[in-house]
Amino acid sequence: MTTTRHAPALRALHTGLALTVVGAAAPFVDRVTTHALADHIAAGYPAYPQDRIDSAVSTWLVILSVIGALGVAGWIWTIRAVTTGKRWARWSATAMLALGTSVALTELLVRDTSGDTGLPGQLGWLGILPCVAGAVAVTMLWRGSARALRGASG
């Protein structure tokens, strides 16, 4: 694997990294602007006093921060593996995509005790966007390898 051959995949990987950073920052921006997460929690639990809603928002911020930090680490790991031409980079990227997609779908679909999703839709869907970039990158990495194998055998 060479960096030049995988330049398009690396662009997709960097896009996924950027989207992950945006997704990790979005709940903090929401907390000081639109309050979508707090409003979502208040709608699901109308009897909650404001301090309990604030506590739930803080808990979500911690959870999403940890997930975001792990996601950033995964992107950096994968970018480094592809850039340095590690033979296992495609497999690692594929595993990271499966793990990231599982986490993003869980964030999007998990239901809490109110019966509603734990996160408001816009934050849940924002978590899916890096997975799209990851799927593009993984597809490019595997296609590039298939081309290289065809070229070596011909």
Protein backbone atom coordinates (compact mmCIF):
# COMPACT_ATOMS: atom_id res chain seq x y z
CA MET A 1 0.00 0.00 0.00
CA THR A 2 1.35 3.39 -0.88
CA THR A 3 0.09 6.78 0.21
CA THR A 4 -0.25 8.00 -3.40
CA ARG A 5 -2.36 5.05 -4.43
CA HIS A 6 -4.60 5.56 -1.42
CA ALA A 7 -4.88 9.35 -1.61
CA PRO A 8 -8.67 9.26 -2.26
CA ALA A 9 -9.17 6.86 0.67
CA LEU A 10 -7.05 9.12 2.86
CA ARG A 11 -9.22 12.09 1.90
CA ALA A 12 -12.30 10.10 2.94
CA LEU A 13 -10.58 9.11 6.20
CA HIS A 14 -9.72 12.75 6.96
CA THR A 15 -13.31 13.71 6.16
CA GLY A 16 -14.52 11.09 8.63
CA LEU A 17 -12.14 12.45 11.26
CA ALA A 18 -13.44 15.98 10.71
CA LEU A 19 -17.06 14.80 10.88
CA THR A 20 -16.31 12.97 14.12
CA VAL A 21 -14.87 16.14 15.65
CA VAL A 22 -17.94 18.10 14.52
CA GLY A 23 -20.22 15.39 15.92
CA ALA A 24 -18.39 15.40 19.25
CA ALA A 25 -18.59 19.19 19.50
CA ALA A 26 -22.25 19.45 18.44
CA PRO A 27 -23.80 18.48 21.81
CA PHE A 28 -21.72 21.18 23.53
CA VAL A 29 -22.82 23.75 20.96
CA ASP A 30 -26.39 22.57 21.44
CA ARG A 31 -26.09 23.02 25.20
CA VAL A 32 -25.43 26.76 24.81
CA THR A 33 -27.65 27.40 21.77
CA THR A 34 -30.71 25.36 20.80
CA HIS A 35 -31.01 23.08 23.88
CA ALA A 36 -32.34 20.25 21.69
CA LEU A 37 -30.91 17.58 23.99
CA ALA A 38 -32.34 19.20 27.14
CA ASP A 39 -35.70 19.75 25.44
CA HIS A 40 -35.71 16.12 24.24
CA ILE A 41 -35.07 14.87 27.77
CA ALA A 42 -37.70 17.23 29.23
CA ALA A 43 -40.27 16.02 26.69
CA GLY A 44 -39.57 12.38 27.58
CA TYR A 45 -39.63 13.04 31.30
CA PRO A 46 -42.06 15.91 31.93
CA ALA A 47 -41.96 15.40 35.72
CA TYR A 48 -38.19 15.94 35.88
CA PRO A 49 -37.10 19.13 37.62
CA GLN A 50 -34.55 21.29 35.77
CA ASP A 51 -31.61 20.06 37.85
CA ARG A 52 -32.35 16.45 36.90
CA ILE A 53 -32.59 17.41 33.21
CA ASP A 54 -29.26 19.24 33.52
CA SER A 55 -27.76 16.14 35.12
CA ALA A 56 -29.02 13.94 32.29
CA VAL A 57 -27.61 16.37 29.72
CA SER A 58 -24.25 16.33 31.53
CA THR A 59 -24.27 12.53 31.53
CA TRP A 60 -24.94 12.48 27.79
CA LEU A 61 -22.14 15.00 27.23
CA VAL A 62 -19.68 12.75 29.06
CA ILE A 63 -20.82 9.67 27.12
CA LEU A 64 -20.67 11.45 23.77
CA SER A 65 -17.28 12.98 24.61
CA VAL A 66 -15.80 9.57 25.38
CA ILE A 67 -17.29 8.12 22.21
CA GLY A 68 -15.99 11.10 20.22
CA ALA A 69 -12.49 10.78 21.68
CA LEU A 70 -12.41 7.06 20.91
CA GLY A 71 -13.66 7.80 17.41
CA VAL A 72 -10.94 10.40 16.83
CA ALA A 73 -8.34 7.90 18.07
CA GLY A 74 -9.72 5.28 15.68
CA TRP A 75 -9.54 7.65 12.71
CA ILE A 76 -5.98 8.69 13.56
CA TRP A 77 -4.96 5.05 13.99
CA THR A 78 -6.47 4.13 10.64
CA ILE A 79 -5.03 7.16 8.82
CA ARG A 80 -1.59 6.34 10.19
CA ALA A 81 -1.89 2.68 9.21
CA VAL A 82 -2.89 3.58 5.64
CA THR A 83 -0.28 6.34 5.36
CA THR A 84 2.55 4.07 6.51
CA GLY A 85 1.39 1.24 4.26
CA LYS A 86 0.61 -1.35 6.92
CA ARG A 87 -0.53 -4.61 5.37
CA TRP A 88 -3.35 -4.90 7.92
CA ALA A 89 -4.68 -1.37 7.31
CA ARG A 90 -7.68 -2.52 5.23
CA TRP A 91 -8.71 -5.03 7.87
CA SER A 92 -8.26 -2.50 10.63
CA ALA A 93 -10.28 0.11 8.71
CA THR A 94 -13.03 -2.45 8.12
CA ALA A 95 -13.12 -3.38 11.82
CA MET A 96 -13.20 0.30 12.82
CA LEU A 97 -16.06 0.91 10.38
CA ALA A 98 -18.06 -1.99 11.85
CA LEU A 99 -17.40 -0.80 15.40
CA GLY A 100 -18.13 2.86 14.63
CA THR A 101 -21.31 2.03 12.74
CA SER A 102 -22.51 -0.16 15.61
CA VAL A 103 -21.93 2.63 18.11
CA ALA A 104 -23.56 5.25 15.85
CA LEU A 105 -26.62 3.09 15.26
CA THR A 106 -26.89 2.46 18.98
CA GLU A 107 -26.76 6.21 19.63
CA LEU A 108 -29.40 6.79 16.98
CA LEU A 109 -31.79 3.98 17.90
CA VAL A 110 -31.40 3.25 21.62
CA ARG A 111 -34.61 3.82 23.55
CA ASP A 112 -34.59 5.00 27.12
CA THR A 113 -37.15 4.30 29.82
CA SER A 114 -39.48 7.00 28.44
CA GLY A 115 -39.88 4.92 25.28
CA ASP A 116 -38.26 7.62 23.14
CA THR A 117 -34.74 7.60 21.74
CA GLY A 118 -32.08 8.73 24.17
CA LEU A 119 -30.79 11.40 21.80
CA PRO A 120 -32.75 13.83 19.69
CA GLY A 121 -32.75 12.84 16.03
CA GLN A 122 -30.40 15.56 14.80
CA LEU A 123 -27.66 14.48 17.21
CA GLY A 124 -28.25 10.80 16.47
CA TRP A 125 -28.08 11.31 12.71
CA LEU A 126 -24.99 13.48 13.05
CA GLY A 127 -23.27 10.41 14.51
CA ILE A 128 -24.02 8.46 11.33
CA LEU A 129 -22.21 10.91 9.00
CA PRO A 130 -18.66 9.76 9.86
CA CYS A 131 -19.76 6.21 9.07
CA VAL A 132 -20.59 7.26 5.51
CA ALA A 133 -17.06 8.64 5.09
CA GLY A 134 -15.70 5.45 6.64
CA ALA A 135 -17.68 3.27 4.23
CA VAL A 136 -16.34 5.28 1.29
CA ALA A 137 -12.77 4.95 2.59
CA VAL A 138 -13.04 1.21 3.23
CA THR A 139 -14.52 0.65 -0.22
CA MET A 140 -11.65 2.59 -1.79
CA LEU A 141 -9.05 0.69 0.22
CA TRP A 142 -10.44 -2.70 -0.80
CA ARG A 143 -10.92 -1.71 -4.45
CA GLY A 144 -7.36 -0.41 -4.62
CA SER A 145 -6.08 -3.71 -3.26
CA ALA A 146 -8.12 -5.71 -5.77
CA ARG A 147 -6.68 -3.61 -8.62
CA ALA A 148 -3.16 -4.13 -7.32
CA LEU A 149 -3.70 -7.89 -7.17
CA ARG A 150 -5.09 -7.97 -10.72
CA GLY A 151 -2.13 -5.94 -11.94
CA ALA A 152 0.36 -8.25 -10.19
CA SER A 153 -1.16 -11.39 -11.65
CA GLY A 154 -1.39 -10.09 -15.20
